[in-house]
Amino acid sequence: MDRINNWKPVFDVFEVRLSSWKVNTLSMGGRVVINRSILESLPNYYFSLYRAPSKVIMELEKLIRRFFWGGSNGASKMH
């Protein structure tokens, strides 16, 4: 599990979850709850079994931050 390609299922789960939520309709508090309860707990199973490369952790945190601040894949927003 030392290659980034092996972590593709985790990224796929993140993409599926994030695509089902509409950022514009959620309040800041709602986004905090989703981040803490769901997004930050999704990779825990994989992290308990394997040591993740730092690039994987940075990319997952990047997806969480982008969702929290309301950006999309194509555009970034100032926070």
Protein backbone atom coordinates (compact mmCIF):
# COMPACT_ATOMS: atom_id res chain seq x y z
CA MET A 1 0.00 0.00 0.00
CA ASP A 2 2.93 2.33 -0.52
CA ARG A 3 1.70 3.47 -3.94
CA ILE A 4 -0.87 6.17 -4.42
CA ASN A 5 -2.78 4.07 -6.96
CA ASN A 6 -3.57 1.51 -4.26
CA TRP A 7 -5.52 4.17 -2.36
CA LYS A 8 -7.89 4.79 -5.29
CA PRO A 9 -10.89 3.11 -3.52
CA VAL A 10 -10.63 5.63 -0.68
CA PHE A 11 -10.60 8.53 -3.13
CA ASP A 12 -13.57 6.99 -4.96
CA VAL A 13 -15.58 6.81 -1.72
CA PHE A 14 -14.75 10.46 -1.03
CA GLU A 15 -15.86 11.50 -4.52
CA VAL A 16 -19.15 9.60 -4.25
CA ARG A 17 -19.93 11.10 -0.85
CA LEU A 18 -18.98 14.62 -1.86
CA SER A 19 -20.98 14.48 -5.10
CA SER A 20 -24.16 13.65 -3.20
CA TRP A 21 -24.00 16.78 -1.00
CA LYS A 22 -24.65 20.27 -2.30
CA VAL A 23 -22.24 22.74 -0.72
CA ASN A 24 -24.35 25.77 -1.51
CA THR A 25 -27.36 24.44 0.38
CA LEU A 26 -25.44 23.55 3.56
CA SER A 27 -24.64 26.05 6.27
CA MET A 28 -21.13 26.41 7.66
CA GLY A 29 -22.19 24.38 10.71
CA GLY A 30 -23.57 21.62 8.51
CA ARG A 31 -20.30 21.41 6.62
CA VAL A 32 -18.37 21.20 9.91
CA VAL A 33 -20.56 18.31 11.07
CA ILE A 34 -20.14 16.46 7.76
CA ASN A 35 -16.37 17.00 7.84
CA ARG A 36 -15.94 15.78 11.38
CA SER A 37 -18.40 12.91 11.47
CA ILE A 38 -18.16 11.47 7.98
CA LEU A 39 -15.24 12.63 5.88
CA GLU A 40 -12.58 12.41 8.56
CA SER A 41 -13.74 8.94 9.63
CA LEU A 42 -13.96 7.35 6.17
CA PRO A 43 -10.27 6.46 5.76
CA ASN A 44 -9.83 5.26 9.38
CA TYR A 45 -10.19 1.61 8.42
CA TYR A 46 -7.47 1.84 5.79
CA PHE A 47 -5.25 3.90 8.09
CA SER A 48 -5.59 1.26 10.81
CA LEU A 49 -4.37 -1.46 8.43
CA TYR A 50 -1.76 0.34 6.34
CA ARG A 51 0.57 3.25 6.69
CA ALA A 52 -0.54 5.90 4.21
CA PRO A 53 1.94 7.88 2.13
CA SER A 54 2.01 11.58 2.97
CA LYS A 55 0.79 12.43 -0.56
CA VAL A 56 -2.41 10.44 0.05
CA ILE A 57 -3.07 12.21 3.35
CA MET A 58 -2.44 15.61 1.77
CA GLU A 59 -4.82 14.86 -1.12
CA LEU A 60 -7.59 13.66 1.22
CA GLU A 61 -7.20 16.78 3.36
CA LYS A 62 -7.30 18.86 0.21
CA LEU A 63 -10.66 17.32 -0.75
CA ILE A 64 -12.02 17.98 2.74
CA ARG A 65 -10.85 21.61 2.71
CA ARG A 66 -12.26 22.21 -0.77
CA PHE A 67 -15.65 20.86 0.32
CA PHE A 68 -15.65 22.91 3.52
CA TRP A 69 -14.89 26.21 1.82
CA GLY A 70 -17.31 25.58 -1.05
CA GLY A 71 -14.90 25.19 -3.94
CA SER A 72 -15.24 22.78 -6.80
CA ASN A 73 -12.70 20.74 -8.74
CA GLY A 74 -12.36 23.40 -11.41
CA ALA A 75 -12.30 26.53 -9.28
CA SER A 76 -10.75 27.42 -5.98
CA LYS A 77 -12.21 29.87 -3.48
CA MET A 78 -10.52 32.22 -1.09
CA HIS A 79 -10.95 31.30 2.56
